[in-house]
Amino acid sequence: MTGVSATGAGDDGATLPLTLLDEALLHLQETRAQWNVQLELGTDHHVAEAAFRKAVFSCCRRHPLARARLAPWKRLDSSYHWKVMDELDLDPVRVV
């Protein structure tokens, strides 16, 4: 992953700094709100769930921020970082 730096020993994942826009939104958001991206797919045709889930996982493996979580912030830190995990910790697809 280009631009991703390894974190300290024993830490599974890497970190990326937040952009200025990310930091501004972080400070403006409601503290209880979580950052996420929700996409809904509606179709009048059958979607093969297994193939769709495989495609979503493939996309998440390709893009580091698709596996990112806001890293814990410490008082001595000068900026915020995304913690990029090697693998997804949750299934990103929910079928209803």
N, C-alpha and C. Protein backbone atom coordinates (compact mmCIF):
# COMPACT_ATOMS: atom_id res chain seq x y z
N MET A 1 0.84 -1.18 0.00
CA MET A 1 0.00 0.00 0.00
C MET A 1 0.88 1.24 0.00
N THR A 2 0.85 1.96 -1.02
CA THR A 2 1.65 3.17 -1.14
C THR A 2 1.12 4.23 -0.18
N GLY A 3 2.03 4.89 0.54
CA GLY A 3 1.62 5.97 1.42
C GLY A 3 1.14 5.52 2.79
N VAL A 4 1.16 4.24 3.05
CA VAL A 4 0.73 3.72 4.34
C VAL A 4 1.96 3.39 5.15
N SER A 5 2.02 3.90 6.37
CA SER A 5 3.20 3.65 7.20
C SER A 5 2.88 2.61 8.25
N ALA A 6 3.85 1.77 8.55
CA ALA A 6 3.67 0.76 9.58
C ALA A 6 3.61 1.42 10.95
N THR A 7 2.81 0.85 11.82
CA THR A 7 2.71 1.37 13.18
C THR A 7 3.65 0.60 14.08
N GLY A 8 3.56 0.87 15.37
CA GLY A 8 4.45 0.25 16.34
C GLY A 8 4.36 -1.26 16.39
N ALA A 9 5.36 -1.89 16.96
CA ALA A 9 5.41 -3.34 17.07
C ALA A 9 4.20 -3.86 17.83
N GLY A 10 3.69 -5.01 17.38
CA GLY A 10 2.56 -5.63 18.04
C GLY A 10 1.22 -5.04 17.60
N ASP A 11 1.24 -4.05 16.73
CA ASP A 11 0.02 -3.42 16.26
C ASP A 11 -0.31 -4.02 14.90
N ASP A 12 -1.50 -4.60 14.76
CA ASP A 12 -1.86 -5.18 13.48
C ASP A 12 -2.55 -4.11 12.64
N GLY A 13 -1.88 -3.64 11.62
CA GLY A 13 -2.42 -2.61 10.76
C GLY A 13 -1.39 -1.54 10.48
N ALA A 14 -1.82 -0.50 9.82
CA ALA A 14 -0.96 0.62 9.46
C ALA A 14 -1.76 1.89 9.71
N THR A 15 -1.13 3.05 9.55
CA THR A 15 -1.85 4.29 9.77
C THR A 15 -1.70 5.23 8.58
N LEU A 16 -2.71 6.06 8.41
CA LEU A 16 -2.71 7.13 7.41
C LEU A 16 -3.19 8.39 8.11
N PRO A 17 -2.58 9.54 7.84
CA PRO A 17 -3.06 10.78 8.46
C PRO A 17 -4.40 11.18 7.87
N LEU A 18 -5.24 11.83 8.67
CA LEU A 18 -6.48 12.38 8.17
C LEU A 18 -6.16 13.60 7.31
N THR A 19 -6.96 13.83 6.29
CA THR A 19 -6.81 15.05 5.49
C THR A 19 -7.35 16.22 6.30
N LEU A 20 -7.08 17.44 5.85
CA LEU A 20 -7.61 18.62 6.53
C LEU A 20 -9.14 18.59 6.54
N LEU A 21 -9.75 18.14 5.46
CA LEU A 21 -11.21 18.04 5.41
C LEU A 21 -11.70 17.01 6.42
N ASP A 22 -11.03 15.85 6.49
CA ASP A 22 -11.40 14.83 7.47
C ASP A 22 -11.36 15.40 8.89
N GLU A 23 -10.28 16.11 9.21
CA GLU A 23 -10.14 16.68 10.56
C GLU A 23 -11.22 17.72 10.83
N ALA A 24 -11.53 18.57 9.84
CA ALA A 24 -12.58 19.57 10.03
C ALA A 24 -13.92 18.90 10.29
N LEU A 25 -14.25 17.88 9.53
CA LEU A 25 -15.51 17.16 9.74
C LEU A 25 -15.53 16.45 11.08
N LEU A 26 -14.39 15.92 11.49
CA LEU A 26 -14.30 15.26 12.78
C LEU A 26 -14.65 16.23 13.91
N HIS A 27 -14.16 17.46 13.82
CA HIS A 27 -14.44 18.44 14.87
C HIS A 27 -15.86 18.99 14.79
N LEU A 28 -16.47 18.96 13.62
CA LEU A 28 -17.81 19.50 13.46
C LEU A 28 -18.92 18.47 13.72
N GLN A 29 -18.59 17.21 13.66
CA GLN A 29 -19.62 16.18 13.80
C GLN A 29 -20.13 16.07 15.23
N GLU A 30 -21.29 15.51 15.34
CA GLU A 30 -21.85 15.21 16.66
C GLU A 30 -21.02 14.08 17.26
N THR A 31 -20.67 14.16 18.53
CA THR A 31 -19.74 13.20 19.14
C THR A 31 -20.29 11.77 19.15
N ARG A 32 -21.60 11.61 19.18
CA ARG A 32 -22.16 10.25 19.20
C ARG A 32 -22.22 9.64 17.81
N ALA A 33 -22.11 10.44 16.77
CA ALA A 33 -22.25 9.95 15.40
C ALA A 33 -21.00 9.19 14.98
N GLN A 34 -21.22 8.10 14.27
CA GLN A 34 -20.10 7.33 13.75
C GLN A 34 -19.94 7.64 12.27
N TRP A 35 -18.71 7.62 11.81
CA TRP A 35 -18.44 7.82 10.39
C TRP A 35 -18.64 6.50 9.67
N ASN A 36 -19.45 6.50 8.65
CA ASN A 36 -19.57 5.31 7.82
C ASN A 36 -20.10 5.73 6.46
N VAL A 37 -20.04 4.83 5.55
CA VAL A 37 -20.58 5.03 4.22
C VAL A 37 -21.61 3.93 4.01
N GLN A 38 -22.82 4.33 3.67
CA GLN A 38 -23.86 3.35 3.43
C GLN A 38 -24.33 3.49 2.00
N LEU A 39 -24.31 2.40 1.29
CA LEU A 39 -24.81 2.36 -0.09
C LEU A 39 -25.94 1.36 -0.14
N GLU A 40 -26.99 1.71 -0.85
CA GLU A 40 -28.11 0.80 -1.02
C GLU A 40 -28.24 0.45 -2.49
N LEU A 41 -28.47 -0.81 -2.75
CA LEU A 41 -28.62 -1.31 -4.10
C LEU A 41 -30.04 -1.83 -4.25
N GLY A 42 -30.76 -1.28 -5.19
CA GLY A 42 -32.10 -1.76 -5.47
C GLY A 42 -32.17 -2.20 -6.92
N THR A 43 -32.80 -3.32 -7.17
CA THR A 43 -32.87 -3.83 -8.53
C THR A 43 -34.14 -4.65 -8.70
N ASP A 44 -34.60 -4.76 -9.93
CA ASP A 44 -35.74 -5.62 -10.20
C ASP A 44 -35.28 -6.98 -10.74
N HIS A 45 -33.99 -7.22 -10.66
CA HIS A 45 -33.40 -8.49 -11.08
C HIS A 45 -32.75 -9.16 -9.86
N HIS A 46 -32.50 -10.44 -9.98
CA HIS A 46 -31.83 -11.19 -8.90
C HIS A 46 -30.34 -10.83 -8.88
N VAL A 47 -29.81 -10.59 -7.71
CA VAL A 47 -28.38 -10.35 -7.53
C VAL A 47 -27.80 -11.56 -6.82
N ALA A 48 -26.79 -12.15 -7.40
CA ALA A 48 -26.14 -13.30 -6.77
C ALA A 48 -25.39 -12.80 -5.53
N GLU A 49 -25.94 -13.10 -4.35
CA GLU A 49 -25.38 -12.55 -3.11
C GLU A 49 -23.92 -12.94 -2.90
N ALA A 50 -23.57 -14.18 -3.14
CA ALA A 50 -22.19 -14.63 -2.91
C ALA A 50 -21.22 -13.89 -3.84
N ALA A 51 -21.60 -13.72 -5.09
CA ALA A 51 -20.72 -13.02 -6.05
C ALA A 51 -20.62 -11.54 -5.69
N PHE A 52 -21.74 -10.94 -5.27
CA PHE A 52 -21.73 -9.54 -4.87
C PHE A 52 -20.84 -9.33 -3.65
N ARG A 53 -20.99 -10.21 -2.64
CA ARG A 53 -20.18 -10.11 -1.43
C ARG A 53 -18.69 -10.27 -1.76
N LYS A 54 -18.37 -11.20 -2.66
CA LYS A 54 -16.97 -11.41 -3.07
C LYS A 54 -16.43 -10.14 -3.74
N ALA A 55 -17.24 -9.49 -4.57
CA ALA A 55 -16.81 -8.26 -5.25
C ALA A 55 -16.58 -7.13 -4.25
N VAL A 56 -17.46 -7.01 -3.25
CA VAL A 56 -17.29 -5.97 -2.23
C VAL A 56 -16.01 -6.21 -1.43
N PHE A 57 -15.76 -7.46 -1.03
CA PHE A 57 -14.53 -7.77 -0.30
C PHE A 57 -13.30 -7.47 -1.15
N SER A 58 -13.37 -7.76 -2.44
CA SER A 58 -12.25 -7.48 -3.34
C SER A 58 -11.97 -5.97 -3.39
N CYS A 59 -13.02 -5.17 -3.48
CA CYS A 59 -12.85 -3.71 -3.49
C CYS A 59 -12.25 -3.22 -2.17
N CYS A 60 -12.70 -3.78 -1.06
CA CYS A 60 -12.19 -3.37 0.26
C CYS A 60 -10.72 -3.74 0.42
N ARG A 61 -10.30 -4.85 -0.17
CA ARG A 61 -8.88 -5.22 -0.09
C ARG A 61 -8.02 -4.27 -0.91
N ARG A 62 -8.57 -3.72 -1.98
CA ARG A 62 -7.81 -2.83 -2.87
C ARG A 62 -7.62 -1.43 -2.30
N HIS A 63 -8.60 -0.93 -1.56
CA HIS A 63 -8.53 0.46 -1.09
C HIS A 63 -8.33 0.50 0.42
N PRO A 64 -7.21 1.03 0.90
CA PRO A 64 -6.90 1.02 2.33
C PRO A 64 -7.98 1.69 3.20
N LEU A 65 -8.58 2.78 2.74
CA LEU A 65 -9.56 3.46 3.59
C LEU A 65 -10.86 2.69 3.73
N ALA A 66 -11.07 1.68 2.90
CA ALA A 66 -12.25 0.83 3.06
C ALA A 66 -12.09 -0.08 4.28
N ARG A 67 -10.88 -0.20 4.79
CA ARG A 67 -10.60 -1.01 5.98
C ARG A 67 -10.13 -0.15 7.16
N ALA A 68 -10.41 1.14 7.09
CA ALA A 68 -9.86 2.07 8.08
C ALA A 68 -10.84 2.36 9.20
N ARG A 69 -10.28 2.60 10.36
CA ARG A 69 -11.01 3.06 11.54
C ARG A 69 -10.23 4.23 12.11
N LEU A 70 -10.90 5.16 12.75
CA LEU A 70 -10.21 6.27 13.38
C LEU A 70 -9.37 5.72 14.54
N ALA A 71 -8.07 5.96 14.48
CA ALA A 71 -7.17 5.46 15.53
C ALA A 71 -7.41 6.23 16.83
N PRO A 72 -7.23 5.57 17.96
CA PRO A 72 -7.38 6.28 19.25
C PRO A 72 -6.43 7.47 19.30
N TRP A 73 -6.93 8.59 19.80
CA TRP A 73 -6.14 9.81 19.88
C TRP A 73 -5.63 9.98 21.29
N LYS A 74 -4.34 10.32 21.40
CA LYS A 74 -3.72 10.55 22.70
C LYS A 74 -3.44 12.04 22.86
N ARG A 75 -3.42 12.53 24.05
CA ARG A 75 -3.27 13.96 24.31
C ARG A 75 -1.99 14.55 23.72
N LEU A 76 -0.96 13.77 23.58
CA LEU A 76 0.30 14.28 23.03
C LEU A 76 0.37 14.20 21.51
N ASP A 77 -0.63 13.58 20.89
CA ASP A 77 -0.64 13.49 19.42
C ASP A 77 -0.90 14.86 18.80
N SER A 78 -0.23 15.13 17.69
CA SER A 78 -0.42 16.42 17.02
C SER A 78 -1.43 16.32 15.88
N SER A 79 -1.83 15.10 15.52
CA SER A 79 -2.83 14.94 14.46
C SER A 79 -3.56 13.62 14.64
N TYR A 80 -4.63 13.48 13.88
CA TYR A 80 -5.41 12.25 13.91
C TYR A 80 -4.95 11.33 12.79
N HIS A 81 -5.19 10.03 12.98
CA HIS A 81 -4.80 9.04 11.97
C HIS A 81 -5.90 8.00 11.79
N TRP A 82 -5.96 7.48 10.57
CA TRP A 82 -6.78 6.31 10.30
C TRP A 82 -5.93 5.08 10.61
N LYS A 83 -6.49 4.10 11.26
CA LYS A 83 -5.83 2.82 11.46
C LYS A 83 -6.37 1.89 10.38
N VAL A 84 -5.49 1.44 9.50
CA VAL A 84 -5.88 0.59 8.39
C VAL A 84 -5.57 -0.86 8.75
N MET A 85 -6.61 -1.66 8.82
CA MET A 85 -6.45 -3.07 9.18
C MET A 85 -6.08 -3.87 7.92
N ASP A 86 -5.39 -4.97 8.13
CA ASP A 86 -5.03 -5.84 7.01
C ASP A 86 -6.26 -6.53 6.43
N GLU A 87 -7.22 -6.85 7.28
CA GLU A 87 -8.45 -7.53 6.86
C GLU A 87 -9.65 -6.82 7.46
N LEU A 88 -10.80 -7.00 6.85
CA LEU A 88 -12.04 -6.43 7.39
C LEU A 88 -12.39 -7.12 8.70
N ASP A 89 -12.88 -6.37 9.66
CA ASP A 89 -13.29 -6.97 10.92
C ASP A 89 -14.80 -7.20 10.98
N LEU A 90 -15.53 -6.65 10.02
CA LEU A 90 -16.98 -6.84 9.94
C LEU A 90 -17.36 -7.15 8.49
N ASP A 91 -18.44 -7.89 8.32
CA ASP A 91 -18.96 -8.15 6.98
C ASP A 91 -19.63 -6.86 6.49
N PRO A 92 -19.15 -6.28 5.40
CA PRO A 92 -19.70 -5.01 4.94
C PRO A 92 -21.02 -5.12 4.19
N VAL A 93 -21.49 -6.33 3.92
CA VAL A 93 -22.71 -6.53 3.15
C VAL A 93 -23.83 -7.05 4.06
N ARG A 94 -24.98 -6.38 3.97
CA ARG A 94 -26.17 -6.84 4.70
C ARG A 94 -27.31 -6.91 3.70
N VAL A 95 -27.91 -8.05 3.61
CA VAL A 95 -29.01 -8.26 2.67
C VAL A 95 -30.32 -8.23 3.45
N VAL A 96 -31.26 -7.42 2.97
CA VAL A 96 -32.58 -7.35 3.62
C VAL A 96 -33.66 -7.66 2.61
